N, C-alpha and C. Protein backbone atom coordinates (compact mmCIF):
# COMPACT_ATOMS: atom_id res chain seq x y z
N UNK A 1 -49.19 -9.29 -36.58
CA UNK A 1 -48.13 -9.64 -35.66
C UNK A 1 -47.22 -10.68 -36.29
N UNK A 2 -45.97 -10.60 -35.97
CA UNK A 2 -45.01 -11.59 -36.42
C UNK A 2 -44.47 -12.29 -35.18
N UNK A 3 -44.48 -13.59 -35.19
CA UNK A 3 -44.01 -14.37 -34.05
C UNK A 3 -42.69 -15.03 -34.41
N UNK A 4 -41.75 -14.95 -33.48
CA UNK A 4 -40.44 -15.59 -33.68
C UNK A 4 -40.21 -16.56 -32.54
N UNK A 5 -39.63 -17.67 -32.83
CA UNK A 5 -39.34 -18.69 -31.83
C UNK A 5 -37.85 -18.70 -31.56
N UNK A 6 -37.47 -18.46 -30.32
CA UNK A 6 -36.06 -18.50 -29.93
C UNK A 6 -35.84 -19.78 -29.13
N UNK A 7 -35.18 -20.73 -29.70
CA UNK A 7 -34.97 -22.01 -29.05
C UNK A 7 -33.54 -22.16 -28.55
N UNK A 8 -32.85 -21.04 -28.39
CA UNK A 8 -31.44 -21.11 -27.98
C UNK A 8 -31.26 -21.60 -26.55
N UNK A 9 -32.20 -21.31 -25.68
CA UNK A 9 -32.12 -21.78 -24.29
C UNK A 9 -33.48 -22.32 -23.86
N UNK A 10 -33.80 -23.53 -24.27
CA UNK A 10 -35.10 -24.09 -23.91
C UNK A 10 -35.19 -24.38 -22.41
N UNK A 11 -36.40 -24.29 -21.90
CA UNK A 11 -36.66 -24.61 -20.50
C UNK A 11 -36.62 -26.13 -20.34
N UNK A 12 -35.95 -26.59 -19.32
CA UNK A 12 -35.83 -28.04 -19.11
C UNK A 12 -36.89 -28.57 -18.15
N UNK A 13 -37.80 -27.70 -17.69
CA UNK A 13 -38.79 -28.10 -16.70
C UNK A 13 -40.09 -28.63 -17.29
N UNK A 14 -40.25 -28.59 -18.59
CA UNK A 14 -41.47 -29.11 -19.20
C UNK A 14 -41.14 -29.72 -20.55
N UNK A 15 -42.00 -30.61 -21.03
CA UNK A 15 -41.70 -31.33 -22.28
C UNK A 15 -41.67 -30.45 -23.53
N UNK A 16 -42.33 -29.29 -23.50
CA UNK A 16 -42.33 -28.42 -24.67
C UNK A 16 -41.09 -27.53 -24.74
N UNK A 17 -40.41 -27.37 -23.61
CA UNK A 17 -39.22 -26.51 -23.59
C UNK A 17 -39.54 -25.03 -23.59
N UNK A 18 -40.79 -24.68 -23.27
CA UNK A 18 -41.20 -23.28 -23.30
C UNK A 18 -41.14 -22.66 -21.91
N UNK A 19 -41.09 -21.34 -21.89
CA UNK A 19 -41.08 -20.58 -20.64
C UNK A 19 -42.36 -19.76 -20.57
N UNK A 20 -42.92 -19.64 -19.40
CA UNK A 20 -44.17 -18.91 -19.24
C UNK A 20 -43.98 -17.42 -19.07
N UNK A 21 -45.02 -16.69 -19.38
CA UNK A 21 -45.06 -15.25 -19.15
C UNK A 21 -46.38 -14.91 -18.45
N UNK A 22 -46.73 -15.70 -17.46
CA UNK A 22 -48.02 -15.59 -16.78
C UNK A 22 -48.31 -14.26 -16.14
N UNK A 23 -47.29 -13.54 -15.68
CA UNK A 23 -47.52 -12.27 -15.00
C UNK A 23 -47.33 -11.07 -15.93
N UNK A 24 -47.15 -11.32 -17.20
CA UNK A 24 -46.89 -10.24 -18.14
C UNK A 24 -48.01 -9.20 -18.16
N UNK A 25 -49.23 -9.62 -18.02
CA UNK A 25 -50.36 -8.69 -18.05
C UNK A 25 -50.42 -7.74 -16.87
N UNK A 26 -49.74 -8.07 -15.78
CA UNK A 26 -49.78 -7.20 -14.60
C UNK A 26 -48.68 -6.15 -14.60
N UNK A 27 -47.73 -6.26 -15.49
CA UNK A 27 -46.59 -5.34 -15.50
C UNK A 27 -47.04 -3.89 -15.70
N UNK A 28 -47.93 -3.64 -16.61
CA UNK A 28 -48.38 -2.28 -16.88
C UNK A 28 -49.37 -1.75 -15.86
N UNK A 29 -50.02 -2.63 -15.11
CA UNK A 29 -51.04 -2.19 -14.16
C UNK A 29 -50.45 -1.42 -12.99
N UNK A 30 -49.28 -1.82 -12.52
CA UNK A 30 -48.69 -1.19 -11.34
C UNK A 30 -48.42 0.30 -11.56
N UNK A 31 -47.71 0.70 -12.62
CA UNK A 31 -47.51 2.13 -12.81
C UNK A 31 -48.81 2.90 -13.05
N UNK A 32 -49.80 2.25 -13.64
CA UNK A 32 -51.08 2.93 -13.86
C UNK A 32 -51.76 3.25 -12.53
N UNK A 33 -51.73 2.31 -11.61
CA UNK A 33 -52.34 2.52 -10.29
C UNK A 33 -51.58 3.60 -9.53
N UNK A 34 -50.25 3.53 -9.54
CA UNK A 34 -49.45 4.53 -8.83
C UNK A 34 -49.69 5.92 -9.43
N UNK A 35 -49.76 6.02 -10.75
CA UNK A 35 -50.04 7.31 -11.39
C UNK A 35 -51.42 7.84 -11.02
N UNK A 36 -52.40 6.96 -10.92
CA UNK A 36 -53.74 7.38 -10.53
C UNK A 36 -53.76 7.91 -9.10
N UNK A 37 -53.05 7.23 -8.21
CA UNK A 37 -52.97 7.69 -6.82
C UNK A 37 -52.23 9.01 -6.74
N UNK A 38 -51.13 9.14 -7.48
CA UNK A 38 -50.37 10.39 -7.50
C UNK A 38 -51.23 11.53 -8.03
N UNK A 39 -52.02 11.27 -9.06
CA UNK A 39 -52.90 12.28 -9.61
C UNK A 39 -53.96 12.69 -8.58
N UNK A 40 -54.53 11.72 -7.88
CA UNK A 40 -55.53 12.03 -6.85
C UNK A 40 -54.92 12.84 -5.72
N UNK A 41 -53.72 12.49 -5.32
CA UNK A 41 -53.05 13.26 -4.27
C UNK A 41 -52.76 14.68 -4.73
N UNK A 42 -52.29 14.83 -5.96
CA UNK A 42 -51.97 16.16 -6.49
C UNK A 42 -53.22 17.03 -6.58
N UNK A 43 -54.33 16.44 -6.96
CA UNK A 43 -55.57 17.21 -7.07
C UNK A 43 -56.10 17.64 -5.70
N UNK A 44 -55.58 17.03 -4.65
CA UNK A 44 -56.01 17.37 -3.29
C UNK A 44 -54.91 18.06 -2.50
N UNK A 45 -54.00 18.71 -3.20
CA UNK A 45 -53.00 19.53 -2.54
C UNK A 45 -51.75 18.82 -2.08
N UNK A 46 -51.50 17.62 -2.55
CA UNK A 46 -50.33 16.86 -2.12
C UNK A 46 -49.35 16.59 -3.25
N UNK A 47 -49.30 17.46 -4.25
CA UNK A 47 -48.43 17.23 -5.41
C UNK A 47 -46.98 17.07 -5.00
N UNK A 48 -46.54 17.84 -4.02
CA UNK A 48 -45.14 17.79 -3.60
C UNK A 48 -44.79 16.48 -2.89
N UNK A 49 -45.79 15.73 -2.45
CA UNK A 49 -45.52 14.50 -1.71
C UNK A 49 -45.64 13.24 -2.57
N UNK A 50 -46.03 13.39 -3.82
CA UNK A 50 -46.21 12.19 -4.65
C UNK A 50 -44.88 11.51 -4.97
N UNK A 51 -43.77 12.23 -4.86
CA UNK A 51 -42.47 11.59 -5.10
C UNK A 51 -42.13 10.60 -4.00
N UNK A 52 -42.85 10.66 -2.89
CA UNK A 52 -42.59 9.75 -1.77
C UNK A 52 -43.34 8.43 -1.89
N UNK A 53 -44.13 8.26 -2.93
CA UNK A 53 -44.87 7.02 -3.11
C UNK A 53 -43.92 5.89 -3.44
N UNK A 54 -44.01 4.82 -2.69
CA UNK A 54 -43.16 3.66 -2.91
C UNK A 54 -44.01 2.41 -2.93
N UNK A 55 -43.56 1.43 -3.68
CA UNK A 55 -44.24 0.14 -3.73
C UNK A 55 -43.73 -0.73 -2.60
N UNK A 56 -44.55 -1.56 -2.00
CA UNK A 56 -45.97 -1.71 -2.32
C UNK A 56 -46.76 -0.51 -1.82
N UNK A 57 -47.65 -0.04 -2.64
CA UNK A 57 -48.46 1.13 -2.33
C UNK A 57 -49.66 0.67 -1.51
N UNK A 58 -49.49 0.65 -0.21
CA UNK A 58 -50.54 0.14 0.68
C UNK A 58 -51.39 1.29 1.21
N UNK A 59 -52.57 0.94 1.68
CA UNK A 59 -53.43 1.96 2.28
C UNK A 59 -52.78 2.55 3.53
N UNK A 60 -52.02 1.74 4.26
CA UNK A 60 -51.33 2.24 5.46
C UNK A 60 -50.29 3.29 5.09
N UNK A 61 -49.57 3.09 4.02
CA UNK A 61 -48.58 4.09 3.59
C UNK A 61 -49.25 5.38 3.15
N UNK A 62 -50.35 5.27 2.44
CA UNK A 62 -51.08 6.47 2.02
C UNK A 62 -51.63 7.21 3.24
N UNK A 63 -52.20 6.46 4.17
CA UNK A 63 -52.75 7.06 5.39
C UNK A 63 -51.65 7.81 6.15
N UNK A 64 -50.50 7.18 6.30
CA UNK A 64 -49.37 7.81 7.00
C UNK A 64 -48.94 9.08 6.28
N UNK A 65 -48.84 9.03 4.97
CA UNK A 65 -48.46 10.21 4.19
C UNK A 65 -49.42 11.36 4.43
N UNK A 66 -50.72 11.05 4.42
CA UNK A 66 -51.72 12.09 4.63
C UNK A 66 -51.71 12.62 6.06
N UNK A 67 -51.45 11.74 7.03
CA UNK A 67 -51.41 12.18 8.43
C UNK A 67 -50.19 13.04 8.72
N UNK A 68 -49.05 12.66 8.16
CA UNK A 68 -47.81 13.39 8.41
C UNK A 68 -47.85 14.78 7.77
N UNK A 69 -48.43 14.87 6.58
CA UNK A 69 -48.40 16.12 5.83
C UNK A 69 -49.72 16.89 5.87
N UNK A 70 -50.67 16.44 6.65
CA UNK A 70 -51.93 17.17 6.78
C UNK A 70 -52.87 16.95 5.62
N UNK A 71 -53.97 17.67 5.65
CA UNK A 71 -55.02 17.47 4.65
C UNK A 71 -54.69 18.07 3.30
N UNK A 72 -53.74 19.01 3.25
CA UNK A 72 -53.36 19.62 1.98
C UNK A 72 -54.18 20.83 1.60
N UNK A 73 -55.20 21.14 2.35
CA UNK A 73 -56.04 22.31 2.03
C UNK A 73 -55.79 23.41 3.02
């Protein structure tokens, strides 16, 4: 890995002038979870409804989707 330091706009909120990336690890998790749910829905006859998945992907939204469109079988 090669690391580069960009000091053109330092953060003024801390003595080091650095900016955090604390949530960076969660960025890839969201699409992975949505894809897993879409795959599970498709395998159970709901492939046409996976385009309706929206974030936040709550259990209530999934329940409503399944109730509105039936069991899929």
